[in-house]
Amino acid sequence: MKALVLVALAGCSFAPSGNSGTPGDAPRDTRGSGSAAPDAGSGSAAPPDAFAPPDASTCWTFSPTNFDACALSAAPPDLVVANGTTVLDADTTTLPVQTVVQSDTSHVLVVHVATLAIAAGAILEVTGSRPVILAVDGTAAIDGTLRTSAGANDAALCAGRAGADGVASTLADTGGGGGGGGGGAAQGGDGTDGTDGTHGNGHGAKGAHGAKRDDAMLSPLIAGCGGGAGGTSNGAGTPGVGGSGGGAVQVSAQIAVNVTGSIRAIGTSATGTTQQTGGGGGGGGGAVFLEAPMVALAASAVVCADGGAGSQGGGSSNDGAPGVDSKCIGTAGAKSTPTNQFGGAGGAGGFRMTPAGGNAGNASNGSPGGHGAGGGGAGGGAGWIRLHAVGGAATVPGGAVVTPIATP
């Protein structure tokens, strides 16, 4: 991993004026009185400096969502990711930050930068225990990849929204239950029960789906929730581990957000299984929120918050297939390919056309040897995308992929 490249703007002063950036200070009114301050001795208005960058210490030209621009620090650095993979960890970053308590009492971290530039082929990985807002004084240019796991799987916020675990079977040679899919903007799917074989009882029960959360405006900014684990076969074997929920990232820029690359907040897939154990549920998709006076996607852009696929239950004598992550193509969700005959198939992850996570397939009780099989893990629900062009509409040309459907 490479360290953050922080480039201070040269030749520009960020000395605070009117507002120190400390929360609670009165902001300076930057709307003006209708005329510029006179140039001493000339009797005419002073021309504006066309090359001076916006100064967040005097507040922004619009009121961004989920944070107060008047409370931002002065003189932030540029954030430039020129190549390779750079990690921005919400819990350890040394960039200028503030913590905001949202309306649901959850916390979000605001990271203040002058400009944001992710070059083609480069990756900015946003991680940590809280959703992250990148507050950009100027323009955000995302030509590479921005992906996030920040804030995912929060125990308090995911109560009822995480997929439930499948239950272990209670007799040897019977199948464990499959885990439920995690919730995002749409609910996850339901896992399926394991089977008894010829034993007549003892199978493990399925895990239920994680619930959806209605938050189309992404205020508060929230992340996705994980899928449930599969159940063992009477304590034996290795069941599927549920996928993680997708993270949450907001990019608010005072001038523009331009995307030619990709932004991903996907729920991840569940791991594979050993024989007779239950599949894991896929994680629910996270959140991507882009906000500026101009939000423009190129035809090459991909903005994705799909859910992850569940894994197949273990067969009567064979392992089960893992789930797969979404390819973010907008016309199909993540889906695993079964590798045994009797374990329940993993459910598909939610995406643009079908936001809810898919239910797992049923395990078969038809093993010739009378053995039980594991239930399938369900798919995770799709997450949230908001493309908010302040005072207008975002530019989304044909060819650009936005999945699930975005809110303006």
Protein backbone atom coordinates (compact mmCIF):
# COMPACT_ATOMS: atom_id res chain seq x y z
CA MET A 1 0.00 0.00 0.00
CA LYS A 2 1.18 3.53 -0.72
CA ALA A 3 0.98 6.51 1.56
CA LEU A 4 -1.37 9.36 0.73
CA VAL A 5 0.14 11.94 -1.61
CA LEU A 6 -0.63 15.30 -0.04
CA VAL A 7 0.23 18.28 -2.20
CA ALA A 8 -0.19 21.74 -0.67
CA LEU A 9 -1.51 24.38 -3.04
CA ALA A 10 1.33 26.68 -4.04
CA GLY A 11 1.06 30.43 -4.22
CA CYS A 12 -2.30 30.60 -2.44
CA SER A 13 -3.12 31.77 1.05
CA PHE A 14 -5.61 29.94 3.24
CA ALA A 15 -5.42 32.32 6.18
CA PRO A 16 -8.83 32.26 7.86
CA SER A 17 -10.96 35.34 7.49
CA GLY A 18 -14.29 35.90 9.21
CA ASN A 19 -14.56 32.29 10.41
CA SER A 20 -11.81 30.30 12.02
CA GLY A 21 -13.43 26.99 11.01
CA THR A 22 -14.20 26.18 14.64
CA PRO A 23 -17.71 24.75 15.09
CA GLY A 24 -20.03 27.33 16.56
CA ASP A 25 -18.29 30.38 15.06
CA ALA A 26 -20.50 32.67 13.03
CA PRO A 27 -19.87 32.13 9.29
CA ARG A 28 -18.97 35.00 7.06
CA ASP A 29 -21.70 35.79 4.51
CA THR A 30 -20.12 35.15 1.10
CA ARG A 31 -23.23 35.93 -0.91
CA GLY A 32 -22.28 39.63 -1.09
CA SER A 33 -24.40 42.75 -0.98
CA GLY A 34 -24.87 43.05 -4.73
CA SER A 35 -21.62 44.91 -5.44
CA ALA A 36 -17.92 44.31 -4.88
CA ALA A 37 -15.85 46.25 -2.35
CA PRO A 38 -14.45 49.42 -3.95
CA ASP A 39 -10.82 49.65 -4.96
CA ALA A 40 -9.31 52.41 -2.80
CA GLY A 41 -8.70 55.55 -4.85
CA SER A 42 -10.22 54.22 -8.09
CA GLY A 43 -13.92 54.66 -7.47
CA SER A 44 -14.61 51.38 -9.26
CA ALA A 45 -15.17 47.81 -8.13
CA ALA A 46 -12.12 45.62 -7.69
CA PRO A 47 -11.95 42.80 -10.25
CA PRO A 48 -12.27 39.29 -8.81
CA ASP A 49 -9.22 37.07 -8.76
CA ALA A 50 -10.20 34.47 -11.35
CA PHE A 51 -7.42 32.12 -10.25
CA ALA A 52 -8.01 32.12 -6.50
CA PRO A 53 -9.33 28.75 -5.27
CA PRO A 54 -12.51 28.66 -3.17
CA ASP A 55 -11.77 29.11 0.52
CA ALA A 56 -13.87 26.84 2.74
CA SER A 57 -13.06 28.96 5.78
CA THR A 58 -15.58 31.49 4.45
CA CYS A 59 -18.22 28.75 3.89
CA TRP A 60 -19.21 27.22 0.59
CA THR A 61 -21.46 28.60 -2.13
CA PHE A 62 -24.12 26.01 -1.22
CA SER A 63 -25.05 24.12 1.93
CA PRO A 64 -23.76 20.55 1.60
CA THR A 65 -25.63 17.57 3.01
CA ASN A 66 -24.63 15.96 6.32
CA PHE A 67 -21.99 18.51 7.38
CA ASP A 68 -21.39 22.22 7.93
CA ALA A 69 -18.96 23.77 5.46
CA CYS A 70 -18.44 26.70 7.83
CA ALA A 71 -16.86 24.33 10.34
CA LEU A 72 -14.21 23.07 7.94
CA SER A 73 -10.56 23.83 8.62
CA ALA A 74 -8.57 26.38 6.66
CA ALA A 75 -5.68 25.46 4.34
CA PRO A 76 -6.44 21.79 3.64
CA PRO A 77 -4.10 19.74 1.44
CA ASP A 78 -4.81 18.30 -1.99
CA LEU A 79 -5.51 14.56 -2.05
CA VAL A 80 -3.82 13.08 -5.11
CA VAL A 81 -3.67 9.35 -5.84
CA ALA A 82 -1.34 9.12 -8.81
CA ASN A 83 -0.83 5.35 -9.03
CA GLY A 84 -1.08 2.09 -7.10
CA THR A 85 -3.44 1.62 -4.16
CA THR A 86 -3.77 4.19 -1.37
CA VAL A 87 -5.72 3.50 1.83
CA LEU A 88 -7.62 6.23 3.65
CA ASP A 89 -8.57 4.74 7.03
CA ALA A 90 -11.26 6.70 8.86
CA ASP A 91 -9.80 5.60 12.20
CA THR A 92 -6.18 6.60 11.59
CA THR A 93 -6.03 9.28 8.87
CA THR A 94 -3.90 12.36 9.53
CA LEU A 95 -5.82 14.53 7.08
CA PRO A 96 -7.92 17.42 8.46
CA VAL A 97 -11.11 15.85 9.84
CA GLN A 98 -14.19 16.51 11.91
CA THR A 99 -16.66 14.03 13.39
CA VAL A 100 -20.33 14.76 12.83
CA VAL A 101 -23.15 13.23 14.88
CA GLN A 102 -26.00 12.45 12.49
CA SER A 103 -29.74 12.57 13.10
CA ASP A 104 -29.83 8.87 14.07
CA THR A 105 -26.93 9.48 16.55
CA SER A 106 -24.47 7.59 14.35
CA HIS A 107 -21.12 9.20 13.57
CA VAL A 108 -19.63 10.12 10.21
CA LEU A 109 -16.10 11.36 9.53
CA VAL A 110 -15.66 14.45 7.33
CA VAL A 111 -12.26 14.57 5.60
CA HIS A 112 -11.44 18.04 4.27
CA VAL A 113 -9.25 18.44 1.16
CA ALA A 114 -8.66 21.23 -1.34
CA THR A 115 -9.00 18.99 -4.41
CA LEU A 116 -9.40 15.27 -5.02
CA ALA A 117 -7.72 13.54 -7.96
CA ILE A 118 -7.60 9.77 -8.52
CA ALA A 119 -5.66 9.03 -11.69
CA ALA A 120 -6.65 6.35 -14.20
CA GLY A 121 -5.41 2.97 -12.96
CA ALA A 122 -5.01 4.21 -9.37
CA ILE A 123 -7.17 3.11 -6.43
CA LEU A 124 -8.31 4.98 -3.33
CA GLU A 125 -9.54 2.50 -0.71
CA VAL A 126 -11.68 4.14 2.00
CA THR A 127 -11.89 2.00 5.14
CA GLY A 128 -12.63 2.31 8.86
CA SER A 129 -15.42 2.06 11.37
CA ARG A 130 -17.40 5.12 10.20
CA PRO A 131 -18.83 6.32 6.89
CA VAL A 132 -16.62 8.94 5.26
CA ILE A 133 -17.45 12.27 3.64
CA LEU A 134 -14.77 13.75 1.38
CA ALA A 135 -15.39 17.52 1.54
CA VAL A 136 -13.60 19.03 -1.45
CA ASP A 137 -13.17 22.79 -1.71
CA GLY A 138 -12.63 22.65 -5.48
CA THR A 139 -13.13 19.80 -7.95
CA ALA A 140 -13.14 16.03 -7.46
CA ALA A 141 -11.84 14.08 -10.47
CA ILE A 142 -12.24 10.31 -10.21
CA ASP A 143 -10.54 8.76 -13.23
CA GLY A 144 -9.38 5.64 -11.39
CA THR A 145 -11.23 3.64 -8.72
CA LEU A 146 -12.74 4.79 -5.44
CA ARG A 147 -14.01 1.91 -3.33
CA THR A 148 -15.21 1.76 0.23
CA SER A 149 -15.89 -0.54 3.16
CA ALA A 150 -16.07 2.36 5.63
CA GLY A 151 -18.81 2.06 8.25
CA ALA A 152 -20.03 -1.36 7.11
CA ASN A 153 -21.47 -3.94 9.52
CA ASP A 154 -22.00 -1.49 12.40
CA ALA A 155 -23.45 -3.66 15.18
CA ALA A 156 -25.96 -1.09 16.42
CA LEU A 157 -27.11 0.14 13.01
CA CYS A 158 -27.30 -3.39 11.60
CA ALA A 159 -29.58 -4.76 14.32
CA GLY A 160 -32.35 -6.40 12.28
CA ARG A 161 -30.62 -5.44 9.02
CA ALA A 162 -27.90 -8.09 9.06
CA GLY A 163 -28.75 -11.51 7.68
CA ALA A 164 -29.45 -14.10 10.38
CA ASP A 165 -27.16 -17.09 10.78
CA GLY A 166 -28.25 -20.51 9.66
CA VAL A 167 -28.69 -23.04 12.45
CA ALA A 168 -26.45 -26.06 12.99
CA SER A 169 -28.03 -29.47 12.52
CA THR A 170 -28.45 -31.63 15.62
CA LEU A 171 -27.68 -35.08 14.18
CA ALA A 172 -24.62 -36.33 12.36
CA ASP A 173 -25.06 -36.77 8.59
CA THR A 174 -27.72 -34.03 8.37
CA GLY A 175 -27.43 -30.59 6.77
CA GLY A 176 -26.91 -27.20 8.40
CA GLY A 177 -29.09 -24.23 7.52
CA GLY A 178 -28.08 -21.45 5.11
CA GLY A 179 -27.56 -17.86 6.24
CA GLY A 180 -29.77 -14.92 5.34
CA GLY A 181 -28.66 -12.08 3.06
CA GLY A 182 -27.70 -8.70 4.49
CA GLY A 183 -29.86 -5.64 4.01
CA GLY A 184 -29.14 -2.32 2.33
CA ALA A 185 -31.65 -0.03 0.66
CA ALA A 186 -33.38 -3.29 -0.27
CA GLN A 187 -33.80 -6.34 1.92
CA GLY A 188 -31.64 -9.44 1.64
CA GLY A 189 -32.98 -12.87 0.73
CA ASP A 190 -33.82 -15.82 2.98
CA GLY A 191 -31.52 -18.80 3.39
CA THR A 192 -32.90 -22.34 3.16
CA ASP A 193 -33.05 -25.25 5.59
CA GLY A 194 -30.64 -28.15 5.50
CA THR A 195 -32.06 -31.63 4.86
CA ASP A 196 -32.37 -34.74 7.04
CA GLY A 197 -31.48 -37.41 4.53
CA THR A 198 -33.08 -40.64 5.72
CA HIS A 199 -32.80 -39.67 9.38
CA GLY A 200 -36.21 -38.01 9.51
CA ASN A 201 -35.12 -35.05 11.62
CA GLY A 202 -32.14 -33.09 12.88
CA HIS A 203 -31.55 -30.63 10.02
CA GLY A 204 -30.57 -27.02 10.69
CA ALA A 205 -33.04 -24.20 10.04
CA LYS A 206 -32.47 -21.32 7.63
CA GLY A 207 -31.40 -17.79 8.54
CA ALA A 208 -33.87 -14.98 7.81
CA HIS A 209 -33.17 -11.98 5.59
CA GLY A 210 -31.79 -8.68 6.79
CA ALA A 211 -34.29 -5.83 6.59
CA LYS A 212 -34.03 -2.85 4.25
CA ARG A 213 -33.64 0.75 5.42
CA ASP A 214 -35.37 3.63 3.66
CA ASP A 215 -32.84 6.45 3.29
CA ALA A 216 -33.00 7.57 -0.35
CA MET A 217 -31.54 11.01 0.42
CA LEU A 218 -28.63 9.42 2.32
CA SER A 219 -29.11 11.77 5.22
CA PRO A 220 -27.91 10.25 7.48
CA LEU A 221 -25.15 8.57 5.50
CA ILE A 222 -25.24 4.84 6.26
CA ALA A 223 -23.53 1.65 5.08
CA GLY A 224 -24.65 -1.90 4.30
CA CYS A 225 -24.94 -4.90 6.62
CA GLY A 226 -23.40 -8.35 6.45
CA GLY A 227 -24.89 -11.70 5.54
CA GLY A 228 -25.46 -14.51 8.03
CA ALA A 229 -23.13 -17.49 8.44
CA GLY A 230 -24.21 -21.01 7.55
CA GLY A 231 -24.79 -23.71 10.16
CA THR A 232 -22.51 -26.68 10.77
CA SER A 233 -23.46 -30.31 10.39
CA ASN A 234 -23.89 -31.23 14.07
CA GLY A 235 -20.78 -29.23 14.93
CA ALA A 236 -18.69 -30.62 12.09
CA GLY A 237 -17.43 -29.02 8.90
CA THR A 238 -16.82 -25.46 7.76
CA PRO A 239 -19.96 -23.54 6.79
CA GLY A 240 -20.03 -20.45 4.61
CA VAL A 241 -18.99 -17.15 6.19
CA GLY A 242 -21.40 -14.35 5.38
CA GLY A 243 -20.23 -11.52 3.12
CA SER A 244 -19.55 -8.01 4.40
CA GLY A 245 -21.89 -5.12 3.83
CA GLY A 246 -20.69 -2.37 1.49
CA GLY A 247 -19.21 0.80 2.94
CA ALA A 248 -20.48 4.37 2.64
CA VAL A 249 -18.74 7.31 0.99
CA GLN A 250 -19.94 10.82 0.16
CA VAL A 251 -18.00 13.14 -2.15
CA SER A 252 -19.20 16.73 -1.84
CA ALA A 253 -17.32 19.30 -3.91
CA GLN A 254 -17.81 23.05 -4.11
CA ILE A 255 -17.20 23.15 -7.88
CA ALA A 256 -17.73 19.73 -9.53
CA VAL A 257 -17.50 15.95 -9.26
CA ASN A 258 -16.33 14.36 -12.50
CA VAL A 259 -16.20 10.57 -12.87
CA THR A 260 -14.63 8.68 -15.76
CA GLY A 261 -13.56 5.72 -13.60
CA SER A 262 -15.48 3.71 -11.02
CA ILE A 263 -16.89 4.08 -7.51
CA ARG A 264 -17.82 0.88 -5.69
CA ALA A 265 -19.57 0.26 -2.39
CA ILE A 266 -20.61 -3.34 -3.01
CA GLY A 267 -21.62 -5.99 -0.53
CA THR A 268 -19.19 -8.90 -0.74
CA SER A 269 -19.96 -12.54 -1.36
CA ALA A 270 -20.05 -15.45 1.08
CA THR A 271 -17.32 -18.08 1.27
CA GLY A 272 -17.73 -21.68 0.13
CA THR A 273 -18.72 -24.64 2.30
CA THR A 274 -17.63 -28.13 3.18
CA GLN A 275 -20.01 -31.06 2.81
CA GLN A 276 -23.36 -30.89 4.59
CA THR A 277 -22.79 -27.38 6.01
CA GLY A 278 -24.95 -24.35 5.26
CA GLY A 279 -24.03 -21.61 2.80
CA GLY A 280 -23.35 -18.05 3.95
CA GLY A 281 -25.45 -15.03 3.01
CA GLY A 282 -24.15 -12.23 0.79
CA GLY A 283 -23.59 -8.75 2.20
CA GLY A 284 -25.94 -5.85 1.54
CA GLY A 285 -24.75 -3.04 -0.72
CA GLY A 286 -23.42 0.21 0.75
CA ALA A 287 -23.83 3.85 -0.23
CA VAL A 288 -22.36 6.26 -2.80
CA PHE A 289 -23.37 9.93 -2.60
CA LEU A 290 -21.99 12.49 -5.06
CA GLU A 291 -22.87 16.16 -4.52
CA ALA A 292 -21.75 19.37 -6.26
CA PRO A 293 -23.13 22.13 -8.46
CA MET A 294 -22.03 19.91 -11.35
CA VAL A 295 -22.00 16.10 -11.13
CA ALA A 296 -20.90 14.55 -14.42
CA LEU A 297 -20.35 10.91 -15.30
CA ALA A 298 -18.58 9.90 -18.52
CA ALA A 299 -19.78 7.03 -20.68
CA SER A 300 -16.99 4.95 -19.15
CA ALA A 301 -18.10 5.59 -15.55
CA VAL A 302 -19.35 2.88 -13.16
CA VAL A 303 -21.08 3.71 -9.88
CA CYS A 304 -22.08 0.54 -8.04
CA ALA A 305 -23.57 -0.49 -4.71
CA ASP A 306 -24.84 -4.01 -5.55
CA GLY A 307 -25.36 -6.79 -3.03
CA GLY A 308 -23.14 -9.87 -2.76
CA ALA A 309 -24.10 -13.44 -3.67
CA GLY A 310 -24.75 -16.19 -1.14
CA SER A 311 -22.79 -19.44 -1.22
CA GLN A 312 -24.05 -22.93 -1.97
CA GLY A 313 -24.72 -25.38 0.80
CA GLY A 314 -22.38 -28.36 1.11
CA GLY A 315 -23.61 -31.47 -0.68
CA SER A 316 -24.05 -34.90 0.82
CA SER A 317 -20.42 -35.67 -0.05
CA ASN A 318 -19.12 -32.56 -1.84
CA ASP A 319 -18.18 -29.00 -0.99
CA GLY A 320 -20.41 -26.06 -1.95
CA ALA A 321 -19.48 -23.20 -4.27
CA PRO A 322 -18.61 -19.76 -2.88
CA GLY A 323 -20.62 -16.71 -3.80
CA VAL A 324 -19.22 -14.13 -6.20
CA ASP A 325 -18.99 -10.35 -6.03
CA SER A 326 -21.01 -8.22 -8.42
CA LYS A 327 -19.42 -7.38 -11.77
CA CYS A 328 -21.31 -4.07 -11.66
CA ILE A 329 -22.72 -4.30 -15.17
CA GLY A 330 -26.25 -3.17 -14.29
CA THR A 331 -28.02 -5.96 -16.20
CA ALA A 332 -27.27 -8.85 -13.84
CA GLY A 333 -26.40 -9.30 -10.19
CA ALA A 334 -23.82 -11.44 -8.44
CA LYS A 335 -24.64 -15.16 -8.68
CA SER A 336 -22.69 -18.28 -7.76
CA THR A 337 -22.55 -21.41 -9.92
CA PRO A 338 -23.43 -24.63 -8.00
CA THR A 339 -20.73 -27.30 -7.87
CA ASN A 340 -22.68 -30.14 -6.24
CA GLN A 341 -26.05 -31.75 -6.83
CA PHE A 342 -27.72 -31.65 -3.45
CA GLY A 343 -26.70 -28.51 -1.53
CA GLY A 344 -28.98 -25.49 -1.78
CA ALA A 345 -27.89 -22.95 -4.39
CA GLY A 346 -26.69 -19.54 -3.24
CA GLY A 347 -29.05 -16.61 -3.79
CA ALA A 348 -28.23 -13.74 -6.16
CA GLY A 349 -27.18 -10.32 -4.96
CA GLY A 350 -29.49 -7.37 -5.52
CA PHE A 351 -28.76 -4.95 -8.38
CA ARG A 352 -30.37 -2.29 -10.60
CA MET A 353 -33.14 -4.45 -12.07
CA THR A 354 -33.85 -6.54 -8.95
CA PRO A 355 -32.76 -4.64 -5.82
CA ALA A 356 -33.81 -7.24 -3.24
CA GLY A 357 -31.41 -10.07 -2.52
CA GLY A 358 -32.41 -13.44 -3.96
CA ASN A 359 -33.63 -16.30 -1.81
CA ALA A 360 -31.38 -19.36 -1.71
CA GLY A 361 -32.29 -22.56 -3.51
CA ASN A 362 -33.61 -25.57 -1.60
CA ALA A 363 -31.28 -28.37 -0.58
CA SER A 364 -32.19 -31.81 -1.92
CA ASN A 365 -33.09 -34.79 0.20
CA GLY A 366 -32.46 -37.19 -2.66
CA SER A 367 -28.94 -38.36 -1.94
CA PRO A 368 -28.60 -42.04 -2.96
CA GLY A 369 -26.79 -42.75 0.30
CA GLY A 370 -29.51 -41.12 2.40
CA HIS A 371 -27.25 -38.29 3.56
CA GLY A 372 -28.42 -34.78 4.37
CA ALA A 373 -27.20 -31.64 2.57
CA GLY A 374 -26.64 -28.03 3.56
CA GLY A 375 -29.09 -25.22 2.88
CA GLY A 376 -28.12 -22.37 0.58
CA GLY A 377 -27.07 -18.87 1.66
CA ALA A 378 -29.14 -15.96 0.37
CA GLY A 379 -28.10 -12.89 -1.62
CA GLY A 380 -27.61 -9.43 -0.13
CA GLY A 381 -29.86 -6.52 -1.01
CA ALA A 382 -28.66 -3.61 -3.16
CA GLY A 383 -27.56 -0.38 -1.49
CA TRP A 384 -27.99 3.33 -2.18
CA ILE A 385 -26.74 5.75 -4.83
CA ARG A 386 -27.48 9.47 -4.88
CA LEU A 387 -26.26 11.81 -7.62
CA HIS A 388 -27.11 15.31 -6.43
CA ALA A 389 -26.30 18.16 -8.80
CA VAL A 390 -27.18 21.22 -6.72
CA GLY A 391 -29.77 23.27 -8.58
CA GLY A 392 -29.75 21.00 -11.62
CA ALA A 393 -29.46 17.41 -12.83
CA ALA A 394 -26.48 15.08 -12.92
CA THR A 395 -25.04 14.19 -16.33
CA VAL A 396 -25.33 10.45 -16.93
CA PRO A 397 -24.72 9.57 -20.59
CA GLY A 398 -25.51 6.30 -22.32
CA GLY A 399 -22.87 3.71 -21.54
CA ALA A 400 -22.40 4.82 -17.93
CA VAL A 401 -23.40 2.14 -15.41
CA VAL A 402 -25.28 3.18 -12.28
CA THR A 403 -26.54 0.26 -10.20
CA PRO A 404 -28.87 0.33 -8.34
CA ILE A 405 -30.97 3.20 -9.69
CA ALA A 406 -29.82 6.56 -8.32
CA THR A 407 -31.80 9.17 -6.43
CA PRO A 408 -31.22 12.79 -7.59
